[in-house]
Amino acid sequence: MHLRLRPATEADLDALIAILNTTIPWLRERGLDQWYGIPWHAAELAPGVAAGIVYLATDDDGPAATMTLDPEPDPEFWTVADDPHSALYLTHFAVDRGRGGQGIGTWMIDQALHRAAARGKRSVRLDAWKTNPGLQDYYRGQGFRHVRTMEVPGRGSGALFERPVPRVPASSTVDSSRPV
């Protein structure tokens, strides 16, 4: 498998939504309430697509995964004491469930880290679902450390994680197309 990662376009919205929505029944089958079982809609991703912060991973078989790398922190989770602009924030991250177990998630996280480093950021941060210990273990296994868990009314996420970025030379470019 040879994945390529690129900024998503408006023409990709259906593929992005399809990837995110394949996760909902998979979560439900495991008794998890993540995303409250509510399907995603294009209007939720369109602003990020227009801003160039939503990415789509594809290979010869088509769309495989998506993620958003937001330079803006969620102010309900990340405080001034966290130096919030020192990181990129990984959100809307999903691998098409028909493609799970192939190392695509690890590759996507690697791409996020390299993009953060290329932008001079010190870390990649995310907020994981509080009631999904398997997801939290996944991120720990990917080298993220748990920072804290926030209780924000009406929010299911709030388990905050961070991973430092690797040092890359200033002249280095991000390899967005390589085998997994």
C-alpha atoms as a PDB file:
ATOM      1  CA  MET A   1       0.000   0.000   0.000  1.00  0.00           C
ATOM      2  CA  HIS A   2       1.349   3.406  -0.981  1.00  0.00           C
ATOM      3  CA  LEU A   3      -0.455   6.216   0.842  1.00  0.00           C
ATOM      4  CA  ARG A   4      -0.531   9.821  -0.232  1.00  0.00           C
ATOM      5  CA  LEU A   5      -1.649  12.676   2.019  1.00  0.00           C
ATOM      6  CA  ARG A   6      -2.940  15.967   0.704  1.00  0.00           C
ATOM      7  CA  PRO A   7      -5.127  18.832   1.816  1.00  0.00           C
ATOM      8  CA  ALA A   8      -8.745  17.941   1.152  1.00  0.00           C
ATOM      9  CA  THR A   9     -10.826  19.926  -1.310  1.00  0.00           C
ATOM     10  CA  GLU A  10     -14.525  20.631  -1.459  1.00  0.00           C
ATOM     11  CA  ALA A  11     -14.796  17.771  -3.964  1.00  0.00           C
ATOM     12  CA  ASP A  12     -13.562  15.415  -1.197  1.00  0.00           C
ATOM     13  CA  LEU A  13     -16.308  16.230   1.332  1.00  0.00           C
ATOM     14  CA  ASP A  14     -18.352  13.100   0.578  1.00  0.00           C
ATOM     15  CA  ALA A  15     -15.258  10.896   0.989  1.00  0.00           C
ATOM     16  CA  LEU A  16     -14.310  12.611   4.263  1.00  0.00           C
ATOM     17  CA  ILE A  17     -17.815  12.150   5.660  1.00  0.00           C
ATOM     18  CA  ALA A  18     -17.906   8.521   4.542  1.00  0.00           C
ATOM     19  CA  ILE A  19     -14.631   7.798   6.381  1.00  0.00           C
ATOM     20  CA  LEU A  20     -15.821   9.468   9.583  1.00  0.00           C
ATOM     21  CA  ASN A  21     -19.229   7.811   9.420  1.00  0.00           C
ATOM     22  CA  THR A  22     -17.831   4.270   8.989  1.00  0.00           C
ATOM     23  CA  THR A  23     -16.554   4.687  12.547  1.00  0.00           C
ATOM     24  CA  ILE A  24     -19.970   5.251  14.143  1.00  0.00           C
ATOM     25  CA  PRO A  25     -21.368   1.682  13.840  1.00  0.00           C
ATOM     26  CA  TRP A  26     -17.936   0.279  14.732  1.00  0.00           C
ATOM     27  CA  LEU A  27     -17.976   2.305  17.966  1.00  0.00           C
ATOM     28  CA  ARG A  28     -21.580   1.346  18.715  1.00  0.00           C
ATOM     29  CA  GLU A  29     -20.771  -2.373  18.285  1.00  0.00           C
ATOM     30  CA  ARG A  30     -18.167  -1.933  21.037  1.00  0.00           C
ATOM     31  CA  GLY A  31     -20.646  -0.263  23.385  1.00  0.00           C
ATOM     32  CA  LEU A  32     -19.010   3.160  23.049  1.00  0.00           C
ATOM     33  CA  ASP A  33     -20.918   6.429  22.979  1.00  0.00           C
ATOM     34  CA  GLN A  34     -18.219   8.385  21.157  1.00  0.00           C
ATOM     35  CA  TRP A  35     -19.617  11.109  18.912  1.00  0.00           C
ATOM     36  CA  TYR A  36     -22.996  10.207  20.442  1.00  0.00           C
ATOM     37  CA  GLY A  37     -23.690   8.085  17.349  1.00  0.00           C
ATOM     38  CA  ILE A  38     -24.541  11.210  15.351  1.00  0.00           C
ATOM     39  CA  PRO A  39     -23.468  11.083  11.700  1.00  0.00           C
ATOM     40  CA  TRP A  40     -21.081  13.733  10.434  1.00  0.00           C
ATOM     41  CA  HIS A  41     -22.201  16.285   7.836  1.00  0.00           C
ATOM     42  CA  ALA A  42     -20.247  18.205   5.211  1.00  0.00           C
ATOM     43  CA  ALA A  43     -21.080  21.551   6.844  1.00  0.00           C
ATOM     44  CA  GLU A  44     -19.013  20.513   9.887  1.00  0.00           C
ATOM     45  CA  LEU A  45     -15.862  19.966   7.811  1.00  0.00           C
ATOM     46  CA  ALA A  46     -16.311  22.559   5.056  1.00  0.00           C
ATOM     47  CA  PRO A  47     -14.722  25.478   6.994  1.00  0.00           C
ATOM     48  CA  GLY A  48     -11.613  23.392   7.754  1.00  0.00           C
ATOM     49  CA  VAL A  49     -11.418  22.248   4.137  1.00  0.00           C
ATOM     50  CA  ALA A  50     -11.607  25.870   2.990  1.00  0.00           C
ATOM     51  CA  ALA A  51      -8.856  26.777   5.490  1.00  0.00           C
ATOM     52  CA  GLY A  52      -6.601  23.986   4.176  1.00  0.00           C
ATOM     53  CA  ILE A  53      -6.338  22.167   7.525  1.00  0.00           C
ATOM     54  CA  VAL A  54      -8.310  19.008   6.662  1.00  0.00           C
ATOM     55  CA  TYR A  55      -6.285  16.210   5.076  1.00  0.00           C
ATOM     56  CA  LEU A  56      -7.223  13.143   3.082  1.00  0.00           C
ATOM     57  CA  ALA A  57      -5.054  10.052   2.763  1.00  0.00           C
ATOM     58  CA  THR A  58      -5.567   7.986  -0.361  1.00  0.00           C
ATOM     59  CA  ASP A  59      -3.952   5.085  -2.143  1.00  0.00           C
ATOM     60  CA  ASP A  60      -4.713   3.148  -5.306  1.00  0.00           C
ATOM     61  CA  ASP A  61      -7.838   1.746  -3.608  1.00  0.00           C
ATOM     62  CA  GLY A  62      -9.210   5.238  -2.892  1.00  0.00           C
ATOM     63  CA  PRO A  63      -9.777   7.283   0.282  1.00  0.00           C
ATOM     64  CA  ALA A  64      -8.320   5.659   3.403  1.00  0.00           C
ATOM     65  CA  ALA A  65      -8.225   8.190   6.259  1.00  0.00           C
ATOM     66  CA  THR A  66      -8.767  11.780   7.270  1.00  0.00           C
ATOM     67  CA  MET A  67      -7.512  14.186   9.902  1.00  0.00           C
ATOM     68  CA  THR A  68      -7.647  17.863  10.685  1.00  0.00           C
ATOM     69  CA  LEU A  69      -4.501  19.653  11.877  1.00  0.00           C
ATOM     70  CA  ASP A  70      -5.797  22.813  13.466  1.00  0.00           C
ATOM     71  CA  PRO A  71      -3.363  25.530  14.543  1.00  0.00           C
ATOM     72  CA  GLU A  72      -6.018  26.893  16.911  1.00  0.00           C
ATOM     73  CA  PRO A  73      -6.531  25.192  20.278  1.00  0.00           C
ATOM     74  CA  ASP A  74      -9.931  24.422  21.725  1.00  0.00           C
ATOM     75  CA  PRO A  75     -10.166  27.130  24.413  1.00  0.00           C
ATOM     76  CA  GLU A  76     -12.353  24.903  26.603  1.00  0.00           C
ATOM     77  CA  PHE A  77      -9.470  22.452  26.925  1.00  0.00           C
ATOM     78  CA  TRP A  78      -6.132  24.204  26.384  1.00  0.00           C
ATOM     79  CA  THR A  79      -5.188  27.147  28.571  1.00  0.00           C
ATOM     80  CA  VAL A  80      -2.641  29.950  28.379  1.00  0.00           C
ATOM     81  CA  ALA A  81      -0.481  27.917  30.786  1.00  0.00           C
ATOM     82  CA  ASP A  82      -0.305  25.175  28.102  1.00  0.00           C
ATOM     83  CA  ASP A  83       1.344  27.585  25.626  1.00  0.00           C
ATOM     84  CA  PRO A  84      -1.461  26.674  23.225  1.00  0.00           C
ATOM     85  CA  HIS A  85       0.107  28.052  20.049  1.00  0.00           C
ATOM     86  CA  SER A  86       3.158  25.816  20.426  1.00  0.00           C
ATOM     87  CA  ALA A  87       1.188  22.857  19.036  1.00  0.00           C
ATOM     88  CA  LEU A  88      -0.972  21.614  16.201  1.00  0.00           C
ATOM     89  CA  TYR A  89      -4.268  20.028  17.250  1.00  0.00           C
ATOM     90  CA  LEU A  90      -5.257  16.695  15.748  1.00  0.00           C
ATOM     91  CA  THR A  91      -9.039  16.418  15.339  1.00  0.00           C
ATOM     92  CA  HIS A  92     -11.559  14.613  13.148  1.00  0.00           C
ATOM     93  CA  PHE A  93      -9.088  11.745  12.874  1.00  0.00           C
ATOM     94  CA  ALA A  94     -10.405   8.504  11.427  1.00  0.00           C
ATOM     95  CA  VAL A  95      -9.313   5.593   9.292  1.00  0.00           C
ATOM     96  CA  ASP A  96     -11.973   4.005   7.127  1.00  0.00           C
ATOM     97  CA  ARG A  97     -12.974   1.000   9.239  1.00  0.00           C
ATOM     98  CA  GLY A  98     -12.718  -1.271   6.205  1.00  0.00           C
ATOM     99  CA  ARG A  99      -9.031  -0.353   6.173  1.00  0.00           C
ATOM    100  CA  GLY A 100      -8.342  -0.712   9.906  1.00  0.00           C
ATOM    101  CA  GLY A 101      -5.355  -2.664  11.177  1.00  0.00           C
ATOM    102  CA  GLN A 102      -3.090  -1.776   8.237  1.00  0.00           C
ATOM    103  CA  GLY A 103      -0.914   0.812   9.988  1.00  0.00           C
ATOM    104  CA  ILE A 104      -2.671   3.765   8.382  1.00  0.00           C
ATOM    105  CA  GLY A 105      -3.358   5.468  11.733  1.00  0.00           C
ATOM    106  CA  THR A 106       0.299   5.268  12.719  1.00  0.00           C
ATOM    107  CA  TRP A 107       1.308   6.684   9.339  1.00  0.00           C
ATOM    108  CA  MET A 108      -1.188   9.542   9.708  1.00  0.00           C
ATOM    109  CA  ILE A 109       0.139  10.421  13.167  1.00  0.00           C
ATOM    110  CA  ASP A 110       3.674  10.390  11.773  1.00  0.00           C
ATOM    111  CA  GLN A 111       2.556  12.792   9.048  1.00  0.00           C
ATOM    112  CA  ALA A 112       0.922  15.060  11.648  1.00  0.00           C
ATOM    113  CA  LEU A 113       4.130  15.147  13.688  1.00  0.00           C
ATOM    114  CA  HIS A 114       6.256  16.014  10.657  1.00  0.00           C
ATOM    115  CA  ARG A 115       3.867  18.771   9.597  1.00  0.00           C
ATOM    116  CA  ALA A 116       3.922  20.213  13.109  1.00  0.00           C
ATOM    117  CA  ALA A 117       7.723  20.154  13.171  1.00  0.00           C
ATOM    118  CA  ALA A 118       7.923  21.805   9.752  1.00  0.00           C
ATOM    119  CA  ARG A 119       5.739  24.621  11.126  1.00  0.00           C
ATOM    120  CA  GLY A 120       7.991  25.105  14.131  1.00  0.00           C
ATOM    121  CA  LYS A 121       5.523  23.563  16.590  1.00  0.00           C
ATOM    122  CA  ARG A 122       6.776  21.631  19.595  1.00  0.00           C
ATOM    123  CA  SER A 123       3.958  19.096  19.837  1.00  0.00           C
ATOM    124  CA  VAL A 124       0.788  17.572  18.463  1.00  0.00           C
ATOM    125  CA  ARG A 125      -2.148  17.602  20.875  1.00  0.00           C
ATOM    126  CA  LEU A 126      -5.584  16.059  20.874  1.00  0.00           C
ATOM    127  CA  ASP A 127      -8.602  15.576  23.050  1.00  0.00           C
ATOM    128  CA  ALA A 128      -9.858  12.005  23.172  1.00  0.00           C
ATOM    129  CA  TRP A 129     -13.246  10.726  24.261  1.00  0.00           C
ATOM    130  CA  LYS A 130     -13.288  10.357  28.048  1.00  0.00           C
ATOM    131  CA  THR A 131     -15.294   7.106  28.069  1.00  0.00           C
ATOM    132  CA  ASN A 132     -13.180   5.343  25.428  1.00  0.00           C
ATOM    133  CA  PRO A 133     -10.217   3.792  27.290  1.00  0.00           C
ATOM    134  CA  GLY A 134      -9.251   1.788  24.192  1.00  0.00           C
ATOM    135  CA  LEU A 135      -8.774   4.994  22.228  1.00  0.00           C
ATOM    136  CA  GLN A 136      -6.760   6.504  25.044  1.00  0.00           C
ATOM    137  CA  ASP A 137      -4.575   3.377  25.141  1.00  0.00           C
ATOM    138  CA  TYR A 138      -4.135   3.633  21.379  1.00  0.00           C
ATOM    139  CA  TYR A 139      -2.786   7.163  21.700  1.00  0.00           C
ATOM    140  CA  ARG A 140      -0.495   6.145  24.571  1.00  0.00           C
ATOM    141  CA  GLY A 141       0.810   3.357  22.343  1.00  0.00           C
ATOM    142  CA  GLN A 142       1.472   5.974  19.665  1.00  0.00           C
ATOM    143  CA  GLY A 143       3.731   7.902  22.048  1.00  0.00           C
ATOM    144  CA  PHE A 144       1.241  10.445  23.375  1.00  0.00           C
ATOM    145  CA  ARG A 145       1.194  11.258  27.072  1.00  0.00           C
ATOM    146  CA  HIS A 146      -1.944  12.021  29.025  1.00  0.00           C
ATOM    147  CA  VAL A 147      -1.868  15.665  30.135  1.00  0.00           C
ATOM    148  CA  ARG A 148      -5.147  15.827  32.079  1.00  0.00           C
ATOM    149  CA  THR A 149      -8.851  15.110  31.743  1.00  0.00           C
ATOM    150  CA  MET A 150     -11.226  18.053  31.587  1.00  0.00           C
ATOM    151  CA  GLU A 151     -14.876  17.976  32.546  1.00  0.00           C
ATOM    152  CA  VAL A 152     -16.703  20.420  30.273  1.00  0.00           C
ATOM    153  CA  PRO A 153     -20.516  20.281  30.355  1.00  0.00           C
ATOM    154  CA  GLY A 154     -21.947  18.869  27.140  1.00  0.00           C
ATOM    155  CA  ARG A 155     -18.599  17.571  25.906  1.00  0.00           C
ATOM    156  CA  GLY A 156     -17.777  13.861  25.696  1.00  0.00           C
ATOM    157  CA  SER A 157     -14.162  14.468  24.832  1.00  0.00           C
ATOM    158  CA  GLY A 158     -11.699  15.971  27.259  1.00  0.00           C
ATOM    159  CA  ALA A 159      -8.954  13.401  27.856  1.00  0.00           C
ATOM    160  CA  LEU A 160      -6.073  15.607  26.712  1.00  0.00           C
ATOM    161  CA  PHE A 161      -2.962  14.094  25.140  1.00  0.00           C
ATOM    162  CA  GLU A 162       0.261  15.491  23.740  1.00  0.00           C
ATOM    163  CA  ARG A 163       3.236  14.143  21.811  1.00  0.00           C
ATOM    164  CA  PRO A 164       6.434  16.074  21.133  1.00  0.00           C
ATOM    165  CA  VAL A 165       7.420  16.437  17.507  1.00  0.00           C
ATOM    166  CA  PRO A 166      10.709  15.093  16.164  1.00  0.00           C
ATOM    167  CA  ARG A 167      13.383  17.614  15.341  1.00  0.00           C
ATOM    168  CA  VAL A 168      13.714  18.173  11.615  1.00  0.00           C
ATOM    169  CA  PRO A 169      16.202  20.360   9.785  1.00  0.00           C
ATOM    170  CA  ALA A 170      14.744  23.672   8.551  1.00  0.00           C
ATOM    171  CA  SER A 171      15.356  22.594   4.933  1.00  0.00           C
ATOM    172  CA  SER A 172      13.507  19.309   5.404  1.00  0.00           C
ATOM    173  CA  THR A 173      10.279  18.646   3.534  1.00  0.00           C
ATOM    174  CA  VAL A 174       7.392  16.436   4.562  1.00  0.00           C
ATOM    175  CA  ASP A 175       7.188  13.118   2.715  1.00  0.00           C
ATOM    176  CA  SER A 176       3.475  12.751   2.060  1.00  0.00           C
ATOM    177  CA  SER A 177       3.757   9.815  -0.277  1.00  0.00           C
ATOM    178  CA  ARG A 178       5.411   6.660   0.896  1.00  0.00           C
ATOM    179  CA  PRO A 179       4.622   3.007   1.495  1.00  0.00           C
ATOM    180  CA  VAL A 180       3.011   1.866   4.708  1.00  0.00           C
END
